[in-house]
């Protein structure tokens, strides 16, 4: 029981670090609403440009926003 908790925390930390590396290398992901198709169907069946991604089909990943926030705080603290 005592070795399960440290292993689980190390696994979670490793996953978070891998995700931040992916976000640093590839900051863009597919839009969740339109799934990268740039448009979605409305309730009456017509197609409309996705309002969440403005019809681009891509979005900035959450991890990339976190990295940008950390960099901005570091830069502002060292001025």
PDB file of N, CA and C in Angstrom:
ATOM      1  N   UNK A   1       0.809  -1.191   0.000  1.00  0.00           N
ATOM      2  CA  UNK A   1       0.000   0.000   0.000  1.00  0.00           C
ATOM      3  C   UNK A   1       0.858   1.262   0.000  1.00  0.00           C
ATOM      4  N   UNK A   2       1.998   1.196   0.651  1.00  0.00           N
ATOM      5  CA  UNK A   2       2.829   2.389   0.751  1.00  0.00           C
ATOM      6  C   UNK A   2       3.548   2.711  -0.555  1.00  0.00           C
ATOM      7  N   UNK A   3       3.734   1.740  -1.431  1.00  0.00           N
ATOM      8  CA  UNK A   3       4.421   2.024  -2.693  1.00  0.00           C
ATOM      9  C   UNK A   3       3.458   2.433  -3.799  1.00  0.00           C
ATOM     10  N   UNK A   4       2.169   2.216  -3.603  1.00  0.00           N
ATOM     11  CA  UNK A   4       1.205   2.548  -4.646  1.00  0.00           C
ATOM     12  C   UNK A   4       1.040   4.061  -4.785  1.00  0.00           C
ATOM     13  N   UNK A   5       0.957   4.760  -3.676  1.00  0.00           N
ATOM     14  CA  UNK A   5       0.748   6.201  -3.712  1.00  0.00           C
ATOM     15  C   UNK A   5       1.911   6.952  -4.375  1.00  0.00           C
ATOM     16  N   UNK A   6       3.165   6.676  -4.027  1.00  0.00           N
ATOM     17  CA  UNK A   6       4.262   7.356  -4.735  1.00  0.00           C
ATOM     18  C   UNK A   6       4.316   7.006  -6.224  1.00  0.00           C
ATOM     19  N   UNK A   7       4.040   5.767  -6.564  1.00  0.00           N
ATOM     20  CA  UNK A   7       4.046   5.397  -7.982  1.00  0.00           C
ATOM     21  C   UNK A   7       2.934   6.100  -8.747  1.00  0.00           C
ATOM     22  N   UNK A   8       1.774   6.218  -8.145  1.00  0.00           N
ATOM     23  CA  UNK A   8       0.662   6.910  -8.797  1.00  0.00           C
ATOM     24  C   UNK A   8       0.965   8.395  -8.971  1.00  0.00           C
ATOM     25  N   UNK A   9       1.577   9.000  -7.967  1.00  0.00           N
ATOM     26  CA  UNK A   9       1.915  10.418  -8.081  1.00  0.00           C
ATOM     27  C   UNK A   9       3.016  10.641  -9.113  1.00  0.00           C
ATOM     28  N   UNK A  10       3.980   9.728  -9.191  1.00  0.00           N
ATOM     29  CA  UNK A  10       5.019   9.838 -10.224  1.00  0.00           C
ATOM     30  C   UNK A  10       4.441   9.650 -11.620  1.00  0.00           C
ATOM     31  N   UNK A  11       3.488   8.754 -11.757  1.00  0.00           N
ATOM     32  CA  UNK A  11       2.839   8.554 -13.052  1.00  0.00           C
ATOM     33  C   UNK A  11       2.062   9.797 -13.468  1.00  0.00           C
ATOM     34  N   UNK A  12       1.357  10.414 -12.527  1.00  0.00           N
ATOM     35  CA  UNK A  12       0.607  11.638 -12.829  1.00  0.00           C
ATOM     36  C   UNK A  12       1.550  12.785 -13.182  1.00  0.00           C
ATOM     37  N   UNK A  13       2.648  12.900 -12.461  1.00  0.00           N
ATOM     38  CA  UNK A  13       3.635  13.933 -12.757  1.00  0.00           C
ATOM     39  C   UNK A  13       4.273  13.703 -14.126  1.00  0.00           C
ATOM     40  N   UNK A  14       4.597  12.455 -14.451  1.00  0.00           N
ATOM     41  CA  UNK A  14       5.159  12.132 -15.762  1.00  0.00           C
ATOM     42  C   UNK A  14       4.196  12.447 -16.891  1.00  0.00           C
ATOM     43  N   UNK A  15       2.915  12.141 -16.676  1.00  0.00           N
ATOM     44  CA  UNK A  15       1.902  12.456 -17.695  1.00  0.00           C
ATOM     45  C   UNK A  15       1.798  13.964 -17.893  1.00  0.00           C
ATOM     46  N   UNK A  16       1.801  14.732 -16.809  1.00  0.00           N
ATOM     47  CA  UNK A  16       1.698  16.189 -16.914  1.00  0.00           C
ATOM     48  C   UNK A  16       2.907  16.769 -17.639  1.00  0.00           C
ATOM     49  N   UNK A  17       4.093  16.266 -17.337  1.00  0.00           N
ATOM     50  CA  UNK A  17       5.296  16.762 -18.015  1.00  0.00           C
ATOM     51  C   UNK A  17       5.283  16.432 -19.501  1.00  0.00           C
ATOM     52  N   UNK A  18       4.840  15.228 -19.844  1.00  0.00           N
ATOM     53  CA  UNK A  18       4.744  14.858 -21.262  1.00  0.00           C
ATOM     54  C   UNK A  18       3.745  15.746 -21.988  1.00  0.00           C
ATOM     55  N   UNK A  19       2.623  16.054 -21.337  1.00  0.00           N
ATOM     56  CA  UNK A  19       1.617  16.916 -21.949  1.00  0.00           C
ATOM     57  C   UNK A  19       2.170  18.321 -22.165  1.00  0.00           C
ATOM     58  N   UNK A  20       2.922  18.857 -21.216  1.00  0.00           N
ATOM     59  CA  UNK A  20       3.502  20.184 -21.387  1.00  0.00           C
ATOM     60  C   UNK A  20       4.541  20.202 -22.505  1.00  0.00           C
ATOM     61  N   UNK A  21       5.289  19.123 -22.672  1.00  0.00           N
ATOM     62  CA  UNK A  21       6.245  19.042 -23.782  1.00  0.00           C
ATOM     63  C   UNK A  21       5.502  19.018 -25.115  1.00  0.00           C
ATOM     64  N   UNK A  22       4.405  18.267 -25.180  1.00  0.00           N
ATOM     65  CA  UNK A  22       3.601  18.236 -26.406  1.00  0.00           C
ATOM     66  C   UNK A  22       3.027  19.612 -26.698  1.00  0.00           C
ATOM     67  N   UNK A  23       2.557  20.311 -25.661  1.00  0.00           N
ATOM     68  CA  UNK A  23       1.993  21.643 -25.855  1.00  0.00           C
ATOM     69  C   UNK A  23       3.048  22.652 -26.292  1.00  0.00           C
ATOM     70  N   UNK A  24       4.276  22.487 -25.828  1.00  0.00           N
ATOM     71  CA  UNK A  24       5.344  23.383 -26.253  1.00  0.00           C
ATOM     72  C   UNK A  24       5.731  23.121 -27.705  1.00  0.00           C
ATOM     73  N   UNK A  25       5.696  21.857 -28.119  1.00  0.00           N
ATOM     74  CA  UNK A  25       6.084  21.509 -29.486  1.00  0.00           C
ATOM     75  C   UNK A  25       4.957  21.747 -30.483  1.00  0.00           C
ATOM     76  N   UNK A  26       3.737  21.487 -30.078  1.00  0.00           N
ATOM     77  CA  UNK A  26       2.585  21.630 -30.973  1.00  0.00           C
ATOM     78  C   UNK A  26       1.455  22.332 -30.216  1.00  0.00           C
ATOM     79  N   UNK A  27       1.411  23.670 -30.256  1.00  0.00           N
ATOM     80  CA  UNK A  27       0.452  24.401 -29.435  1.00  0.00           C
ATOM     81  C   UNK A  27      -0.985  24.349 -29.942  1.00  0.00           C
ATOM     82  N   UNK A  28      -1.210  23.908 -31.154  1.00  0.00           N
ATOM     83  CA  UNK A  28      -2.552  23.923 -31.717  1.00  0.00           C
ATOM     84  C   UNK A  28      -3.182  22.543 -31.669  1.00  0.00           C
ATOM     85  N   UNK A  29      -4.478  22.516 -31.363  1.00  0.00           N
ATOM     86  CA  UNK A  29      -5.254  21.287 -31.363  1.00  0.00           C
ATOM     87  C   UNK A  29      -6.535  21.496 -32.154  1.00  0.00           C
ATOM     88  N   UNK A  30      -7.234  20.417 -32.438  1.00  0.00           N
ATOM     89  CA  UNK A  30      -8.492  20.537 -33.156  1.00  0.00           C
ATOM     90  C   UNK A  30      -9.553  21.150 -32.263  1.00  0.00           C
ATOM     91  N   UNK A  31     -10.447  21.917 -32.863  1.00  0.00           N
ATOM     92  CA  UNK A  31     -11.552  22.517 -32.117  1.00  0.00           C
ATOM     93  C   UNK A  31     -12.463  21.405 -31.605  1.00  0.00           C
ATOM     94  N   UNK A  32     -12.910  21.520 -30.369  1.00  0.00           N
ATOM     95  CA  UNK A  32     -13.746  20.477 -29.787  1.00  0.00           C
ATOM     96  C   UNK A  32     -15.183  20.533 -30.293  1.00  0.00           C
ATOM     97  N   UNK A  33     -15.633  21.699 -30.654  1.00  0.00           N
ATOM     98  CA  UNK A  33     -17.024  21.816 -31.092  1.00  0.00           C
ATOM     99  C   UNK A  33     -17.219  21.279 -32.506  1.00  0.00           C
ATOM    100  N   UNK A  34     -16.380  21.718 -33.447  1.00  0.00           N
ATOM    101  CA  UNK A  34     -16.541  21.287 -34.840  1.00  0.00           C
ATOM    102  C   UNK A  34     -15.615  20.129 -35.191  1.00  0.00           C
ATOM    103  N   UNK A  35     -14.754  19.707 -34.254  1.00  0.00           N
ATOM    104  CA  UNK A  35     -13.790  18.614 -34.449  1.00  0.00           C
ATOM    105  C   UNK A  35     -12.856  18.860 -35.634  1.00  0.00           C
ATOM    106  N   UNK A  36     -12.517  20.129 -35.875  1.00  0.00           N
ATOM    107  CA  UNK A  36     -11.591  20.489 -36.944  1.00  0.00           C
ATOM    108  C   UNK A  36     -12.233  20.625 -38.309  1.00  0.00           C
ATOM    109  N   UNK A  37     -13.561  20.489 -38.403  1.00  0.00           N
ATOM    110  CA  UNK A  37     -14.242  20.562 -39.697  1.00  0.00           C
ATOM    111  C   UNK A  37     -14.555  21.992 -40.126  1.00  0.00           C
ATOM    112  N   UNK A  38     -14.335  22.973 -39.255  1.00  0.00           N
ATOM    113  CA  UNK A  38     -14.548  24.391 -39.502  1.00  0.00           C
ATOM    114  C   UNK A  38     -16.004  24.816 -39.538  1.00  0.00           C
ATOM    115  N   UNK A  39     -16.916  23.898 -39.553  1.00  0.00           N
ATOM    116  CA  UNK A  39     -18.336  24.243 -39.514  1.00  0.00           C
ATOM    117  C   UNK A  39     -19.076  23.140 -38.771  1.00  0.00           C
ATOM    118  N   UNK A  40     -20.302  23.457 -38.362  1.00  0.00           N
ATOM    119  CA  UNK A  40     -21.109  22.471 -37.656  1.00  0.00           C
ATOM    120  C   UNK A  40     -22.555  22.611 -38.109  1.00  0.00           C
ATOM    121  N   UNK A  41     -23.335  21.594 -37.860  1.00  0.00           N
ATOM    122  CA  UNK A  41     -24.742  21.632 -38.233  1.00  0.00           C
ATOM    123  C   UNK A  41     -25.545  22.322 -37.137  1.00  0.00           C
ATOM    124  N   UNK A  42     -26.489  23.138 -37.566  1.00  0.00           N
ATOM    125  CA  UNK A  42     -27.376  23.793 -36.616  1.00  0.00           C
ATOM    126  C   UNK A  42     -28.558  22.875 -36.317  1.00  0.00           C
ATOM    127  N   UNK A  43     -29.462  23.338 -35.487  1.00  0.00           N
ATOM    128  CA  UNK A  43     -30.606  22.506 -35.101  1.00  0.00           C
ATOM    129  C   UNK A  43     -31.557  22.264 -36.261  1.00  0.00           C
ATOM    130  N   UNK A  44     -31.587  23.163 -37.255  1.00  0.00           N
ATOM    131  CA  UNK A  44     -32.487  22.952 -38.398  1.00  0.00           C
ATOM    132  C   UNK A  44     -31.789  22.252 -39.556  1.00  0.00           C
ATOM    133  N   UNK A  45     -30.524  21.888 -39.377  1.00  0.00           N
ATOM    134  CA  UNK A  45     -29.823  21.082 -40.371  1.00  0.00           C
ATOM    135  C   UNK A  45     -28.923  21.836 -41.318  1.00  0.00           C
ATOM    136  N   UNK A  46     -28.846  23.154 -41.227  1.00  0.00           N
ATOM    137  CA  UNK A  46     -27.952  23.909 -42.103  1.00  0.00           C
ATOM    138  C   UNK A  46     -26.555  23.947 -41.501  1.00  0.00           C
ATOM    139  N   UNK A  47     -25.573  24.287 -42.323  1.00  0.00           N
ATOM    140  CA  UNK A  47     -24.201  24.361 -41.836  1.00  0.00           C
ATOM    141  C   UNK A  47     -23.852  25.814 -41.534  1.00  0.00           C
ATOM    142  N   UNK A  48     -23.069  25.998 -40.481  1.00  0.00           N
ATOM    143  CA  UNK A  48     -22.656  27.328 -40.080  1.00  0.00           C
ATOM    144  C   UNK A  48     -21.209  27.255 -39.610  1.00  0.00           C
ATOM    145  N   UNK A  49     -20.451  28.343 -39.867  1.00  0.00           N
ATOM    146  CA  UNK A  49     -19.074  28.395 -39.376  1.00  0.00           C
ATOM    147  C   UNK A  49     -19.070  28.271 -37.862  1.00  0.00           C
ATOM    148  N   UNK A  50     -18.087  27.562 -37.360  1.00  0.00           N
ATOM    149  CA  UNK A  50     -17.972  27.355 -35.922  1.00  0.00           C
ATOM    150  C   UNK A  50     -17.656  28.692 -35.247  1.00  0.00           C
ATOM    151  N   UNK A  51     -18.426  29.035 -34.228  1.00  0.00           N
ATOM    152  CA  UNK A  51     -18.200  30.302 -33.523  1.00  0.00           C
ATOM    153  C   UNK A  51     -17.094  30.180 -32.486  1.00  0.00           C
ATOM    154  N   UNK A  52     -16.812  29.001 -32.023  1.00  0.00           N
ATOM    155  CA  UNK A  52     -15.766  28.828 -31.012  1.00  0.00           C
ATOM    156  C   UNK A  52     -14.385  29.047 -31.604  1.00  0.00           C
ATOM    157  N   UNK A  53     -14.146  28.525 -32.805  1.00  0.00           N
ATOM    158  CA  UNK A  53     -12.816  28.670 -33.425  1.00  0.00           C
ATOM    159  C   UNK A  53     -12.824  29.672 -34.576  1.00  0.00           C
ATOM    160  N   UNK A  54     -13.922  30.363 -34.793  1.00  0.00           N
ATOM    161  CA  UNK A  54     -14.077  31.338 -35.882  1.00  0.00           C
ATOM    162  C   UNK A  54     -13.856  30.720 -37.252  1.00  0.00           C
ATOM    163  N   UNK A  55     -14.216  29.460 -37.394  1.00  0.00           N
ATOM    164  CA  UNK A  55     -14.131  28.795 -38.689  1.00  0.00           C
ATOM    165  C   UNK A  55     -12.735  28.351 -39.080  1.00  0.00           C
ATOM    166  N   UNK A  56     -11.780  28.326 -38.160  1.00  0.00           N
ATOM    167  CA  UNK A  56     -10.428  27.891 -38.493  1.00  0.00           C
ATOM    168  C   UNK A  56     -10.243  26.401 -38.269  1.00  0.00           C
ATOM    169  N   UNK A  57     -10.995  25.816 -37.339  1.00  0.00           N
ATOM    170  CA  UNK A  57     -10.865  24.398 -37.043  1.00  0.00           C
ATOM    171  C   UNK A  57      -9.796  24.067 -36.039  1.00  0.00           C
ATOM    172  N   UNK A  58      -9.064  25.086 -35.548  1.00  0.00           N
ATOM    173  CA  UNK A  58      -8.007  24.848 -34.571  1.00  0.00           C
ATOM    174  C   UNK A  58      -8.219  25.722 -33.346  1.00  0.00           C
ATOM    175  N   UNK A  59      -7.570  25.342 -32.245  1.00  0.00           N
ATOM    176  CA  UNK A  59      -7.650  26.098 -31.002  1.00  0.00           C
ATOM    177  C   UNK A  59      -6.297  25.993 -30.304  1.00  0.00           C
ATOM    178  N   UNK A  60      -6.069  26.867 -29.352  1.00  0.00           N
ATOM    179  CA  UNK A  60      -4.850  26.811 -28.555  1.00  0.00           C
ATOM    180  C   UNK A  60      -5.090  25.828 -27.413  1.00  0.00           C
ATOM    181  N   UNK A  61      -4.155  24.928 -27.205  1.00  0.00           N
ATOM    182  CA  UNK A  61      -4.290  23.935 -26.140  1.00  0.00           C
ATOM    183  C   UNK A  61      -4.214  24.601 -24.764  1.00  0.00           C
ATOM    184  N   UNK A  62      -4.846  23.968 -23.787  1.00  0.00           N
ATOM    185  CA  UNK A  62      -4.866  24.491 -22.422  1.00  0.00           C
ATOM    186  C   UNK A  62      -3.452  24.534 -21.850  1.00  0.00           C
ATOM    187  N   UNK A  63      -2.661  23.527 -22.114  1.00  0.00           N
ATOM    188  CA  UNK A  63      -1.286  23.495 -21.617  1.00  0.00           C
ATOM    189  C   UNK A  63      -0.440  24.617 -22.193  1.00  0.00           C
ATOM    190  N   UNK A  64      -0.698  24.990 -23.435  1.00  0.00           N
ATOM    191  CA  UNK A  64       0.046  26.092 -24.042  1.00  0.00           C
ATOM    192  C   UNK A  64      -0.324  27.413 -23.379  1.00  0.00           C
ATOM    193  N   UNK A  65      -1.598  27.569 -23.047  1.00  0.00           N
ATOM    194  CA  UNK A  65      -2.017  28.776 -22.328  1.00  0.00           C
ATOM    195  C   UNK A  65      -1.344  28.838 -20.966  1.00  0.00           C
ATOM    196  N   UNK A  66      -1.223  27.692 -20.312  1.00  0.00           N
ATOM    197  CA  UNK A  66      -0.543  27.633 -19.025  1.00  0.00           C
ATOM    198  C   UNK A  66       0.934  27.998 -19.168  1.00  0.00           C
ATOM    199  N   UNK A  67       1.591  27.475 -20.181  1.00  0.00           N
ATOM    200  CA  UNK A  67       2.998  27.812 -20.416  1.00  0.00           C
ATOM    201  C   UNK A  67       3.172  29.301 -20.698  1.00  0.00           C
ATOM    202  N   UNK A  68       2.279  29.884 -21.502  1.00  0.00           N
ATOM    203  CA  UNK A  68       2.358  31.316 -21.798  1.00  0.00           C
ATOM    204  C   UNK A  68       2.143  32.157 -20.538  1.00  0.00           C
ATOM    205  N   UNK A  69       1.223  31.718 -19.678  1.00  0.00           N
ATOM    206  CA  UNK A  69       0.978  32.436 -18.429  1.00  0.00           C
ATOM    207  C   UNK A  69       2.204  32.385 -17.528  1.00  0.00           C
ATOM    208  N   UNK A  70       2.826  31.217 -17.418  1.00  0.00           N
ATOM    209  CA  UNK A  70       4.020  31.076 -16.583  1.00  0.00           C
ATOM    210  C   UNK A  70       5.161  31.933 -17.135  1.00  0.00           C
ATOM    211  N   UNK A  71       5.336  31.943 -18.437  1.00  0.00           N
ATOM    212  CA  UNK A  71       6.395  32.767 -19.041  1.00  0.00           C
ATOM    213  C   UNK A  71       6.144  34.251 -18.808  1.00  0.00           C
ATOM    214  N   UNK A  72       4.878  34.678 -18.929  1.00  0.00           N
ATOM    215  CA  UNK A  72       4.543  36.088 -18.720  1.00  0.00           C
ATOM    216  C   UNK A  72       4.769  36.493 -17.270  1.00  0.00           C
ATOM    217  N   UNK A  73       4.397  35.632 -16.323  1.00  0.00           N
ATOM    218  CA  UNK A  73       4.630  35.940 -14.911  1.00  0.00           C
ATOM    219  C   UNK A  73       6.126  36.004 -14.607  1.00  0.00           C
ATOM    220  N   UNK A  74       6.901  35.111 -15.175  1.00  0.00           N
ATOM    221  CA  UNK A  74       8.347  35.108 -14.973  1.00  0.00           C
ATOM    222  C   UNK A  74       8.963  36.376 -15.564  1.00  0.00           C
ATOM    223  N   UNK A  75       8.535  36.739 -16.772  1.00  0.00           N
ATOM    224  CA  UNK A  75       9.075  37.933 -17.426  1.00  0.00           C
ATOM    225  C   UNK A  75       8.698  39.196 -16.646  1.00  0.00           C
ATOM    226  N   UNK A  76       7.459  39.288 -16.163  1.00  0.00           N
ATOM    227  CA  UNK A  76       7.027  40.462 -15.423  1.00  0.00           C
ATOM    228  C   UNK A  76       7.704  40.557 -14.058  1.00  0.00           C
ATOM    229  N   UNK A  77       8.043  39.436 -13.481  1.00  0.00           N
ATOM    230  CA  UNK A  77       8.710  39.448 -12.193  1.00  0.00           C
ATOM    231  C   UNK A  77      10.170  39.826 -12.274  1.00  0.00           C
ATOM    232  N   UNK A  78      10.775  39.701 -13.448  1.00  0.00           N
ATOM    233  CA  UNK A  78      12.193  40.003 -13.604  1.00  0.00           C
ATOM    234  C   UNK A  78      12.461  41.332 -14.318  1.00  0.00           C
ATOM    235  N   UNK A  79      11.509  42.197 -14.354  1.00  0.00           N
ATOM    236  CA  UNK A  79      11.736  43.481 -15.019  1.00  0.00           C
ATOM    237  C   UNK A  79      12.169  44.526 -14.040  1.00  0.00           C
TER     238      UNK A  79
END
